[in-house]
Amino acid sequence: MSRRVFDLRDVGNDEAEGVRQALATAGIEYYETPARILFGAPAIFVADEDFAAARQAVDAYQQQWRERAGENTQSTPILRRVIACIGLVVMLWLVWQFSPATLLGQ
């Protein structure tokens, strides 16, 4: 039998390729199921006896993936968000003030 080690639904190509490389580096044979339109989910499967090693390889890769993703995110300071919100409100008010319906008094 085989077991699903990684679900490929809604996964980017770069992350899926990284998982494939992690399994290949660990020397684990795997196969993939294709995406179906109505049923069936794309996934990577391994043999039962390789599942524990495959799970470790995938978990290690996902940890590296999370760390890289965390390094690339920058939080926006709250002041910039407040200024953007105020600017949006002012722009909407100006559009409303200078719309033809407002100018004609309707």
PDB file of N, CA and C in Angstrom:
ATOM      1  N   MET A   1       0.850  -1.189   0.000  1.00  0.00           N
ATOM      2  CA  MET A   1       0.000   0.000   0.000  1.00  0.00           C
ATOM      3  C   MET A   1       0.888   1.242   0.000  1.00  0.00           C
ATOM      4  N   SER A   2       0.249   2.347  -0.274  1.00  0.00           N
ATOM      5  CA  SER A   2       0.957   3.620  -0.243  1.00  0.00           C
ATOM      6  C   SER A   2       0.156   4.611   0.580  1.00  0.00           C
ATOM      7  N   ARG A   3       0.845   5.642   1.002  1.00  0.00           N
ATOM      8  CA  ARG A   3       0.208   6.660   1.831  1.00  0.00           C
ATOM      9  C   ARG A   3       0.516   8.032   1.269  1.00  0.00           C
ATOM     10  N   ARG A   4      -0.445   8.928   1.422  1.00  0.00           N
ATOM     11  CA  ARG A   4      -0.254  10.307   0.950  1.00  0.00           C
ATOM     12  C   ARG A   4       0.649  11.039   1.928  1.00  0.00           C
ATOM     13  N   VAL A   5       1.714  11.617   1.387  1.00  0.00           N
ATOM     14  CA  VAL A   5       2.652  12.333   2.241  1.00  0.00           C
ATOM     15  C   VAL A   5       2.545  13.847   2.056  1.00  0.00           C
ATOM     16  N   PHE A   6       1.999  14.287   0.911  1.00  0.00           N
ATOM     17  CA  PHE A   6       1.899  15.726   0.672  1.00  0.00           C
ATOM     18  C   PHE A   6       0.768  15.999  -0.303  1.00  0.00           C
ATOM     19  N   ASP A   7      -0.119  16.894   0.074  1.00  0.00           N
ATOM     20  CA  ASP A   7      -1.248  17.281  -0.768  1.00  0.00           C
ATOM     21  C   ASP A   7      -0.814  18.435  -1.669  1.00  0.00           C
ATOM     22  N   LEU A   8      -1.044  18.311  -2.964  1.00  0.00           N
ATOM     23  CA  LEU A   8      -0.600  19.329  -3.919  1.00  0.00           C
ATOM     24  C   LEU A   8      -1.694  20.329  -4.294  1.00  0.00           C
ATOM     25  N   ARG A   9      -2.860  20.200  -3.690  1.00  0.00           N
ATOM     26  CA  ARG A   9      -3.939  21.145  -4.001  1.00  0.00           C
ATOM     27  C   ARG A   9      -3.579  22.529  -3.467  1.00  0.00           C
ATOM     28  N   ASP A  10      -3.717  23.540  -4.307  1.00  0.00           N
ATOM     29  CA  ASP A  10      -3.442  24.945  -3.956  1.00  0.00           C
ATOM     30  C   ASP A  10      -1.997  25.168  -3.524  1.00  0.00           C
ATOM     31  N   VAL A  11      -1.077  24.408  -4.079  1.00  0.00           N
ATOM     32  CA  VAL A  11       0.347  24.549  -3.773  1.00  0.00           C
ATOM     33  C   VAL A  11       1.038  25.088  -5.008  1.00  0.00           C
ATOM     34  N   GLY A  12       1.907  26.069  -4.812  1.00  0.00           N
ATOM     35  CA  GLY A  12       2.642  26.638  -5.928  1.00  0.00           C
ATOM     36  C   GLY A  12       3.651  25.655  -6.505  1.00  0.00           C
ATOM     37  N   ASN A  13       4.025  25.888  -7.752  1.00  0.00           N
ATOM     38  CA  ASN A  13       4.979  24.997  -8.414  1.00  0.00           C
ATOM     39  C   ASN A  13       6.326  24.953  -7.708  1.00  0.00           C
ATOM     40  N   ASP A  14       6.772  26.091  -7.195  1.00  0.00           N
ATOM     41  CA  ASP A  14       8.078  26.116  -6.533  1.00  0.00           C
ATOM     42  C   ASP A  14       8.078  25.302  -5.242  1.00  0.00           C
ATOM     43  N   GLU A  15       6.989  25.366  -4.473  1.00  0.00           N
ATOM     44  CA  GLU A  15       6.919  24.567  -3.245  1.00  0.00           C
ATOM     45  C   GLU A  15       6.796  23.077  -3.571  1.00  0.00           C
ATOM     46  N   ALA A  16       5.990  22.746  -4.575  1.00  0.00           N
ATOM     47  CA  ALA A  16       5.837  21.342  -4.964  1.00  0.00           C
ATOM     48  C   ALA A  16       7.168  20.785  -5.463  1.00  0.00           C
ATOM     49  N   GLU A  17       7.888  21.563  -6.241  1.00  0.00           N
ATOM     50  CA  GLU A  17       9.192  21.107  -6.738  1.00  0.00           C
ATOM     51  C   GLU A  17      10.176  20.942  -5.581  1.00  0.00           C
ATOM     52  N   GLY A  18      10.101  21.808  -4.583  1.00  0.00           N
ATOM     53  CA  GLY A  18      10.959  21.673  -3.412  1.00  0.00           C
ATOM     54  C   GLY A  18      10.682  20.388  -2.646  1.00  0.00           C
ATOM     55  N   VAL A  19       9.422  20.017  -2.522  1.00  0.00           N
ATOM     56  CA  VAL A  19       9.063  18.766  -1.848  1.00  0.00           C
ATOM     57  C   VAL A  19       9.580  17.578  -2.655  1.00  0.00           C
ATOM     58  N   ARG A  20       9.427  17.645  -3.970  1.00  0.00           N
ATOM     59  CA  ARG A  20       9.944  16.563  -4.821  1.00  0.00           C
ATOM     60  C   ARG A  20      11.452  16.415  -4.645  1.00  0.00           C
ATOM     61  N   GLN A  21      12.159  17.535  -4.627  1.00  0.00           N
ATOM     62  CA  GLN A  21      13.614  17.492  -4.448  1.00  0.00           C
ATOM     63  C   GLN A  21      13.992  16.965  -3.071  1.00  0.00           C
ATOM     64  N   ALA A  22      13.239  17.345  -2.040  1.00  0.00           N
ATOM     65  CA  ALA A  22      13.534  16.856  -0.689  1.00  0.00           C
ATOM     66  C   ALA A  22      13.377  15.337  -0.626  1.00  0.00           C
ATOM     67  N   LEU A  23      12.351  14.816  -1.261  1.00  0.00           N
ATOM     68  CA  LEU A  23      12.153  13.366  -1.281  1.00  0.00           C
ATOM     69  C   LEU A  23      13.244  12.673  -2.100  1.00  0.00           C
ATOM     70  N   ALA A  24      13.608  13.262  -3.223  1.00  0.00           N
ATOM     71  CA  ALA A  24      14.660  12.671  -4.051  1.00  0.00           C
ATOM     72  C   ALA A  24      15.998  12.690  -3.326  1.00  0.00           C
ATOM     73  N   THR A  25      16.286  13.778  -2.624  1.00  0.00           N
ATOM     74  CA  THR A  25      17.532  13.878  -1.855  1.00  0.00           C
ATOM     75  C   THR A  25      17.582  12.826  -0.759  1.00  0.00           C
ATOM     76  N   ALA A  26      16.439  12.544  -0.152  1.00  0.00           N
ATOM     77  CA  ALA A  26      16.372  11.525   0.901  1.00  0.00           C
ATOM     78  C   ALA A  26      16.366  10.111   0.323  1.00  0.00           C
ATOM     79  N   GLY A  27      16.326   9.985  -0.996  1.00  0.00           N
ATOM     80  CA  GLY A  27      16.337   8.677  -1.629  1.00  0.00           C
ATOM     81  C   GLY A  27      15.014   7.937  -1.532  1.00  0.00           C
ATOM     82  N   ILE A  28      13.926   8.679  -1.484  1.00  0.00           N
ATOM     83  CA  ILE A  28      12.604   8.082  -1.330  1.00  0.00           C
ATOM     84  C   ILE A  28      11.885   8.121  -2.672  1.00  0.00           C
ATOM     85  N   GLU A  29      11.407   6.960  -3.105  1.00  0.00           N
ATOM     86  CA  GLU A  29      10.633   6.896  -4.338  1.00  0.00           C
ATOM     87  C   GLU A  29       9.202   7.323  -4.041  1.00  0.00           C
ATOM     88  N   TYR A  30       8.619   8.057  -4.966  1.00  0.00           N
ATOM     89  CA  TYR A  30       7.264   8.565  -4.785  1.00  0.00           C
ATOM     90  C   TYR A  30       6.548   8.569  -6.128  1.00  0.00           C
ATOM     91  N   TYR A  31       5.257   8.755  -6.077  1.00  0.00           N
ATOM     92  CA  TYR A  31       4.496   8.985  -7.296  1.00  0.00           C
ATOM     93  C   TYR A  31       3.427  10.022  -7.001  1.00  0.00           C
ATOM     94  N   GLU A  32       2.973  10.670  -8.066  1.00  0.00           N
ATOM     95  CA  GLU A  32       1.983  11.743  -7.935  1.00  0.00           C
ATOM     96  C   GLU A  32       0.690  11.353  -8.613  1.00  0.00           C
ATOM     97  N   THR A  33      -0.401  11.814  -8.023  1.00  0.00           N
ATOM     98  CA  THR A  33      -1.688  11.666  -8.675  1.00  0.00           C
ATOM     99  C   THR A  33      -2.037  13.000  -9.313  1.00  0.00           C
ATOM    100  N   PRO A  34      -2.596  12.963 -10.516  1.00  0.00           N
ATOM    101  CA  PRO A  34      -2.920  14.224 -11.198  1.00  0.00           C
ATOM    102  C   PRO A  34      -4.190  14.850 -10.647  1.00  0.00           C
ATOM    103  N   ALA A  35      -4.367  16.114 -10.955  1.00  0.00           N
ATOM    104  CA  ALA A  35      -5.583  16.824 -10.549  1.00  0.00           C
ATOM    105  C   ALA A  35      -6.717  16.430 -11.480  1.00  0.00           C
ATOM    106  N   ARG A  36      -7.860  16.184 -10.917  1.00  0.00           N
ATOM    107  CA  ARG A  36      -9.064  15.867 -11.693  1.00  0.00           C
ATOM    108  C   ARG A  36     -10.035  17.038 -11.577  1.00  0.00           C
ATOM    109  N   ILE A  37     -10.902  17.167 -12.548  1.00  0.00           N
ATOM    110  CA  ILE A  37     -11.828  18.295 -12.532  1.00  0.00           C
ATOM    111  C   ILE A  37     -12.901  18.133 -11.466  1.00  0.00           C
ATOM    112  N   LEU A  38     -13.539  16.977 -11.408  1.00  0.00           N
ATOM    113  CA  LEU A  38     -14.648  16.813 -10.475  1.00  0.00           C
ATOM    114  C   LEU A  38     -14.269  16.147  -9.162  1.00  0.00           C
ATOM    115  N   PHE A  39     -13.313  15.250  -9.194  1.00  0.00           N
ATOM    116  CA  PHE A  39     -12.951  14.548  -7.970  1.00  0.00           C
ATOM    117  C   PHE A  39     -11.481  14.167  -8.046  1.00  0.00           C
ATOM    118  N   GLY A  40     -10.944  13.784  -6.921  1.00  0.00           N
ATOM    119  CA  GLY A  40      -9.538  13.419  -6.861  1.00  0.00           C
ATOM    120  C   GLY A  40      -8.682  14.647  -6.608  1.00  0.00           C
ATOM    121  N   ALA A  41      -7.760  14.503  -5.718  1.00  0.00           N
ATOM    122  CA  ALA A  41      -6.882  15.616  -5.380  1.00  0.00           C
ATOM    123  C   ALA A  41      -5.462  15.276  -5.781  1.00  0.00           C
ATOM    124  N   PRO A  42      -4.741  16.236  -6.339  1.00  0.00           N
ATOM    125  CA  PRO A  42      -3.341  15.975  -6.654  1.00  0.00           C
ATOM    126  C   PRO A  42      -2.547  15.811  -5.359  1.00  0.00           C
ATOM    127  N   ALA A  43      -1.698  14.806  -5.323  1.00  0.00           N
ATOM    128  CA  ALA A  43      -0.932  14.537  -4.109  1.00  0.00           C
ATOM    129  C   ALA A  43       0.303  13.725  -4.447  1.00  0.00           C
ATOM    130  N   ILE A  44       1.217  13.671  -3.488  1.00  0.00           N
ATOM    131  CA  ILE A  44       2.415  12.836  -3.599  1.00  0.00           C
ATOM    132  C   ILE A  44       2.256  11.679  -2.626  1.00  0.00           C
ATOM    133  N   PHE A  45       2.443  10.477  -3.125  1.00  0.00           N
ATOM    134  CA  PHE A  45       2.304   9.259  -2.331  1.00  0.00           C
ATOM    135  C   PHE A  45       3.641   8.534  -2.239  1.00  0.00           C
ATOM    136  N   VAL A  46       3.859   7.847  -1.114  1.00  0.00           N
ATOM    137  CA  VAL A  46       5.045   7.013  -0.926  1.00  0.00           C
ATOM    138  C   VAL A  46       4.598   5.655  -0.393  1.00  0.00           C
ATOM    139  N   ALA A  47       5.500   4.695  -0.458  1.00  0.00           N
ATOM    140  CA  ALA A  47       5.208   3.366   0.085  1.00  0.00           C
ATOM    141  C   ALA A  47       5.111   3.443   1.603  1.00  0.00           C
ATOM    142  N   ASP A  48       4.355   2.516   2.179  1.00  0.00           N
ATOM    143  CA  ASP A  48       4.171   2.499   3.637  1.00  0.00           C
ATOM    144  C   ASP A  48       5.486   2.465   4.398  1.00  0.00           C
ATOM    145  N   GLU A  49       6.434   1.650   3.935  1.00  0.00           N
ATOM    146  CA  GLU A  49       7.693   1.526   4.666  1.00  0.00           C
ATOM    147  C   GLU A  49       8.557   2.786   4.580  1.00  0.00           C
ATOM    148  N   ASP A  50       8.300   3.658   3.603  1.00  0.00           N
ATOM    149  CA  ASP A  50       9.060   4.906   3.463  1.00  0.00           C
ATOM    150  C   ASP A  50       8.340   6.104   4.059  1.00  0.00           C
ATOM    151  N   PHE A  51       7.149   5.884   4.606  1.00  0.00           N
ATOM    152  CA  PHE A  51       6.333   7.020   5.040  1.00  0.00           C
ATOM    153  C   PHE A  51       6.996   7.848   6.137  1.00  0.00           C
ATOM    154  N   ALA A  52       7.562   7.217   7.143  1.00  0.00           N
ATOM    155  CA  ALA A  52       8.161   7.961   8.261  1.00  0.00           C
ATOM    156  C   ALA A  52       9.321   8.829   7.769  1.00  0.00           C
ATOM    157  N   ALA A  53      10.192   8.266   6.943  1.00  0.00           N
ATOM    158  CA  ALA A  53      11.324   9.036   6.416  1.00  0.00           C
ATOM    159  C   ALA A  53      10.833  10.143   5.492  1.00  0.00           C
ATOM    160  N   ALA A  54       9.808   9.864   4.691  1.00  0.00           N
ATOM    161  CA  ALA A  54       9.264  10.882   3.792  1.00  0.00           C
ATOM    162  C   ALA A  54       8.621  12.010   4.585  1.00  0.00           C
ATOM    163  N   ARG A  55       7.903  11.653   5.647  1.00  0.00           N
ATOM    164  CA  ARG A  55       7.265  12.667   6.478  1.00  0.00           C
ATOM    165  C   ARG A  55       8.314  13.582   7.100  1.00  0.00           C
ATOM    166  N   GLN A  56       9.440  13.001   7.561  1.00  0.00           N
ATOM    167  CA  GLN A  56      10.519  13.811   8.129  1.00  0.00           C
ATOM    168  C   GLN A  56      11.115  14.739   7.084  1.00  0.00           C
ATOM    169  N   ALA A  57      11.338  14.239   5.869  1.00  0.00           N
ATOM    170  CA  ALA A  57      11.909  15.056   4.801  1.00  0.00           C
ATOM    171  C   ALA A  57      10.973  16.201   4.427  1.00  0.00           C
ATOM    172  N   VAL A  58       9.684  15.907   4.323  1.00  0.00           N
ATOM    173  CA  VAL A  58       8.710  16.943   3.972  1.00  0.00           C
ATOM    174  C   VAL A  58       8.584  17.956   5.103  1.00  0.00           C
ATOM    175  N   ASP A  59       8.537  17.488   6.345  1.00  0.00           N
ATOM    176  CA  ASP A  59       8.445  18.407   7.486  1.00  0.00           C
ATOM    177  C   ASP A  59       9.653  19.338   7.545  1.00  0.00           C
ATOM    178  N   ALA A  60      10.847  18.797   7.309  1.00  0.00           N
ATOM    179  CA  ALA A  60      12.055  19.623   7.317  1.00  0.00           C
ATOM    180  C   ALA A  60      12.004  20.661   6.202  1.00  0.00           C
ATOM    181  N   TYR A  61      11.548  20.253   5.024  1.00  0.00           N
ATOM    182  CA  TYR A  61      11.444  21.202   3.914  1.00  0.00           C
ATOM    183  C   TYR A  61      10.418  22.291   4.223  1.00  0.00           C
ATOM    184  N   GLN A  62       9.273  21.905   4.782  1.00  0.00           N
ATOM    185  CA  GLN A  62       8.251  22.901   5.103  1.00  0.00           C
ATOM    186  C   GLN A  62       8.722  23.876   6.176  1.00  0.00           C
ATOM    187  N   GLN A  63       9.524  23.406   7.119  1.00  0.00           N
ATOM    188  CA  GLN A  63      10.080  24.310   8.122  1.00  0.00           C
ATOM    189  C   GLN A  63      10.998  25.335   7.460  1.00  0.00           C
ATOM    190  N   GLN A  64      11.843  24.887   6.539  1.00  0.00           N
ATOM    191  CA  GLN A  64      12.703  25.818   5.801  1.00  0.00           C
ATOM    192  C   GLN A  64      11.860  26.789   4.982  1.00  0.00           C
ATOM    193  N   TRP A  65      10.791  26.285   4.389  1.00  0.00           N
ATOM    194  CA  TRP A  65       9.907  27.123   3.582  1.00  0.00           C
ATOM    195  C   TRP A  65       9.278  28.225   4.435  1.00  0.00           C
ATOM    196  N   ARG A  66       8.808  27.869   5.634  1.00  0.00           N
ATOM    197  CA  ARG A  66       8.204  28.860   6.540  1.00  0.00           C
ATOM    198  C   ARG A  66       9.219  29.898   6.973  1.00  0.00           C
ATOM    199  N   GLU A  67      10.445  29.461   7.251  1.00  0.00           N
ATOM    200  CA  GLU A  67      11.473  30.416   7.674  1.00  0.00           C
ATOM    201  C   GLU A  67      11.803  31.397   6.557  1.00  0.00           C
ATOM    202  N   ARG A  68      11.909  30.887   5.325  1.00  0.00           N
ATOM    203  CA  ARG A  68      12.179  31.785   4.194  1.00  0.00           C
ATOM    204  C   ARG A  68      11.014  32.734   3.972  1.00  0.00           C
ATOM    205  N   ALA A  69       9.794  32.248   4.105  1.00  0.00           N
ATOM    206  CA  ALA A  69       8.617  33.098   3.919  1.00  0.00           C
ATOM    207  C   ALA A  69       8.553  34.163   5.008  1.00  0.00           C
ATOM    208  N   GLY A  70       8.926  33.806   6.228  1.00  0.00           N
ATOM    209  CA  GLY A  70       8.926  34.769   7.325  1.00  0.00           C
ATOM    210  C   GLY A  70       9.959  35.863   7.148  1.00  0.00           C
ATOM    211  N   GLU A  71      11.077  35.538   6.503  1.00  0.00           N
ATOM    212  CA  GLU A  71      12.108  36.536   6.263  1.00  0.00           C
ATOM    213  C   GLU A  71      11.673  37.544   5.209  1.00  0.00           C
ATOM    214  N   ASN A  72      10.807  37.134   4.294  1.00  0.00           N
ATOM    215  CA  ASN A  72      10.421  37.991   3.184  1.00  0.00           C
ATOM    216  C   ASN A  72       9.235  38.892   3.488  1.00  0.00           C
ATOM    217  N   THR A  73       8.607  38.720   4.636  1.00  0.00           N
ATOM    218  CA  THR A  73       7.460  39.564   4.958  1.00  0.00           C
ATOM    219  C   THR A  73       7.898  40.740   5.795  1.00  0.00           C
ATOM    220  N   GLN A  74       7.316  41.871   5.504  1.00  0.00           N
ATOM    221  CA  GLN A  74       7.575  43.073   6.281  1.00  0.00           C
ATOM    222  C   GLN A  74       6.230  43.628   6.708  1.00  0.00           C
ATOM    223  N   SER A  75       6.097  43.898   7.990  1.00  0.00           N
ATOM    224  CA  SER A  75       4.837  44.427   8.474  1.00  0.00           C
ATOM    225  C   SER A  75       4.777  45.926   8.191  1.00  0.00           C
ATOM    226  N   THR A  76       3.604  46.379   7.817  1.00  0.00           N
ATOM    227  CA  THR A  76       3.401  47.790   7.553  1.00  0.00           C
ATOM    228  C   THR A  76       3.094  48.488   8.868  1.00  0.00           C
ATOM    229  N   PRO A  77       3.785  49.570   9.173  1.00  0.00           N
ATOM    230  CA  PRO A  77       3.488  50.287  10.419  1.00  0.00           C
ATOM    231  C   PRO A  77       2.051  50.800  10.427  1.00  0.00           C
ATOM    232  N   ILE A  78       1.483  50.864  11.590  1.00  0.00           N
ATOM    233  CA  ILE A  78       0.075  51.249  11.737  1.00  0.00           C
ATOM    234  C   ILE A  78      -0.160  52.670  11.239  1.00  0.00           C
ATOM    235  N   LEU A  79       0.806  53.557  11.387  1.00  0.00           N
ATOM    236  CA  LEU A  79       0.636  54.933  10.931  1.00  0.00           C
ATOM    237  C   LEU A  79       0.429  54.990   9.417  1.00  0.00           C
ATOM    238  N   ARG A  80       1.156  54.176   8.680  1.00  0.00           N
ATOM    239  CA  ARG A  80       0.998  54.166   7.222  1.00  0.00           C
ATOM    240  C   ARG A  80      -0.388  53.664   6.833  1.00  0.00           C
ATOM    241  N   ARG A  81      -0.908  52.707   7.562  1.00  0.00           N
ATOM    242  CA  ARG A  81      -2.256  52.204   7.275  1.00  0.00           C
ATOM    243  C   ARG A  81      -3.314  53.260   7.574  1.00  0.00           C
ATOM    244  N   VAL A  82      -3.145  53.991   8.666  1.00  0.00           N
ATOM    245  CA  VAL A  82      -4.097  55.036   9.030  1.00  0.00           C
ATOM    246  C   VAL A  82      -4.077  56.139   7.978  1.00  0.00           C
ATOM    247  N   ILE A  83      -2.894  56.547   7.550  1.00  0.00           N
ATOM    248  CA  ILE A  83      -2.776  57.598   6.536  1.00  0.00           C
ATOM    249  C   ILE A  83      -3.408  57.145   5.221  1.00  0.00           C
ATOM    250  N   ALA A  84      -3.188  55.894   4.849  1.00  0.00           N
ATOM    251  CA  ALA A  84      -3.785  55.371   3.620  1.00  0.00           C
ATOM    252  C   ALA A  84      -5.302  55.363   3.727  1.00  0.00           C
ATOM    253  N   CYS A  85      -5.833  55.012   4.864  1.00  0.00           N
ATOM    254  CA  CYS A  85      -7.283  54.980   5.059  1.00  0.00           C
ATOM    255  C   CYS A  85      -7.868  56.390   4.989  1.00  0.00           C
ATOM    256  N   ILE A  86      -7.217  57.343   5.632  1.00  0.00           N
ATOM    257  CA  ILE A  86      -7.682  58.734   5.589  1.00  0.00           C
ATOM    258  C   ILE A  86      -7.617  59.256   4.154  1.00  0.00           C
ATOM    259  N   GLY A  87      -6.550  58.948   3.453  1.00  0.00           N
ATOM    260  CA  GLY A  87      -6.422  59.371   2.060  1.00  0.00           C
ATOM    261  C   GLY A  87      -7.534  58.797   1.198  1.00  0.00           C
ATOM    262  N   LEU A  88      -7.884  57.560   1.418  1.00  0.00           N
ATOM    263  CA  LEU A  88      -8.960  56.932   0.664  1.00  0.00           C
ATOM    264  C   LEU A  88     -10.289  57.621   0.945  1.00  0.00           C
ATOM    265  N   VAL A  89     -10.568  57.928   2.191  1.00  0.00           N
ATOM    266  CA  VAL A  89     -11.818  58.598   2.556  1.00  0.00           C
ATOM    267  C   VAL A  89     -11.879  59.980   1.916  1.00  0.00           C
ATOM    268  N   VAL A  90     -10.773  60.709   1.937  1.00  0.00           N
ATOM    269  CA  VAL A  90     -10.729  62.041   1.327  1.00  0.00           C
ATOM    270  C   VAL A  90     -10.964  61.949  -0.181  1.00  0.00           C
ATOM    271  N   MET A  91     -10.327  60.969  -0.832  1.00  0.00           N
ATOM    272  CA  MET A  91     -10.507  60.806  -2.269  1.00  0.00           C
ATOM    273  C   MET A  91     -11.969  60.467  -2.605  1.00  0.00           C
ATOM    274  N   LEU A  92     -12.580  59.592  -1.843  1.00  0.00           N
ATOM    275  CA  LEU A  92     -13.983  59.256  -2.077  1.00  0.00           C
ATOM    276  C   LEU A  92     -14.888  60.469  -1.867  1.00  0.00           C
ATOM    277  N   TRP A  93     -14.602  61.279  -0.852  1.00  0.00           N
ATOM    278  CA  TRP A  93     -15.386  62.487  -0.596  1.00  0.00           C
ATOM    279  C   TRP A  93     -15.251  63.466  -1.758  1.00  0.00           C
ATOM    280  N   LEU A  94     -14.021  63.627  -2.300  1.00  0.00           N
ATOM    281  CA  LEU A  94     -13.809  64.529  -3.432  1.00  0.00           C
ATOM    282  C   LEU A  94     -14.553  64.045  -4.673  1.00  0.00           C
ATOM    283  N   VAL A  95     -14.517  62.763  -4.932  1.00  0.00           N
ATOM    284  CA  VAL A  95     -15.253  62.221  -6.077  1.00  0.00           C
ATOM    285  C   VAL A  95     -16.744  62.467  -5.902  1.00  0.00           C
ATOM    286  N   TRP A  96     -17.246  62.260  -4.705  1.00  0.00           N
ATOM    287  CA  TRP A  96     -18.665  62.488  -4.435  1.00  0.00           C
ATOM    288  C   TRP A  96     -19.022  63.970  -4.593  1.00  0.00           C
ATOM    289  N   GLN A  97     -18.175  64.877  -4.111  1.00  0.00           N
ATOM    290  CA  GLN A  97     -18.431  66.306  -4.187  1.00  0.00           C
ATOM    291  C   GLN A  97     -18.449  66.821  -5.620  1.00  0.00           C
ATOM    292  N   PHE A  98     -17.604  66.263  -6.454  1.00  0.00           N
ATOM    293  CA  PHE A  98     -17.486  66.752  -7.827  1.00  0.00           C
ATOM    294  C   PHE A  98     -18.185  65.855  -8.849  1.00  0.00           C
ATOM    295  N   SER A  99     -19.050  64.992  -8.390  1.00  0.00           N
ATOM    296  CA  SER A  99     -19.818  64.164  -9.317  1.00  0.00           C
ATOM    297  C   SER A  99     -20.913  65.020  -9.945  1.00  0.00           C
ATOM    298  N   PRO A 100     -21.352  64.691 -11.164  1.00  0.00           N
ATOM    299  CA  PRO A 100     -22.375  65.505 -11.842  1.00  0.00           C
ATOM    300  C   PRO A 100     -23.678  65.634 -11.051  1.00  0.00           C
ATOM    301  N   ALA A 101     -24.081  64.572 -10.361  1.00  0.00           N
ATOM    302  CA  ALA A 101     -25.333  64.635  -9.597  1.00  0.00           C
ATOM    303  C   ALA A 101     -25.237  65.666  -8.482  1.00  0.00           C
ATOM    304  N   THR A 102     -24.091  65.770  -7.833  1.00  0.00           N
ATOM    305  CA  THR A 102     -23.909  66.713  -6.737  1.00  0.00           C
ATOM    306  C   THR A 102     -23.823  68.138  -7.290  1.00  0.00           C
ATOM    307  N   LEU A 103     -23.127  68.324  -8.390  1.00  0.00           N
ATOM    308  CA  LEU A 103     -22.968  69.652  -8.976  1.00  0.00           C
ATOM    309  C   LEU A 103     -24.285  70.215  -9.506  1.00  0.00           C
ATOM    310  N   LEU A 104     -25.158  69.362 -10.019  1.00  0.00           N
ATOM    311  CA  LEU A 104     -26.441  69.800 -10.545  1.00  0.00           C
ATOM    312  C   LEU A 104     -27.513  69.880  -9.480  1.00  0.00           C
ATOM    313  N   GLY A 105     -27.202  69.496  -8.251  1.00  0.00           N
ATOM    314  CA  GLY A 105     -28.138  69.598  -7.145  1.00  0.00           C
ATOM    315  C   GLY A 105     -29.215  68.535  -7.148  1.00  0.00           C
ATOM    316  N   GLN A 106     -28.956  67.418  -7.742  1.00  0.00           N
ATOM    317  CA  GLN A 106     -29.964  66.355  -7.791  1.00  0.00           C
ATOM    318  C   GLN A 106     -29.787  65.382  -6.692  1.00  0.00           C
TER     319      GLN A 106
END
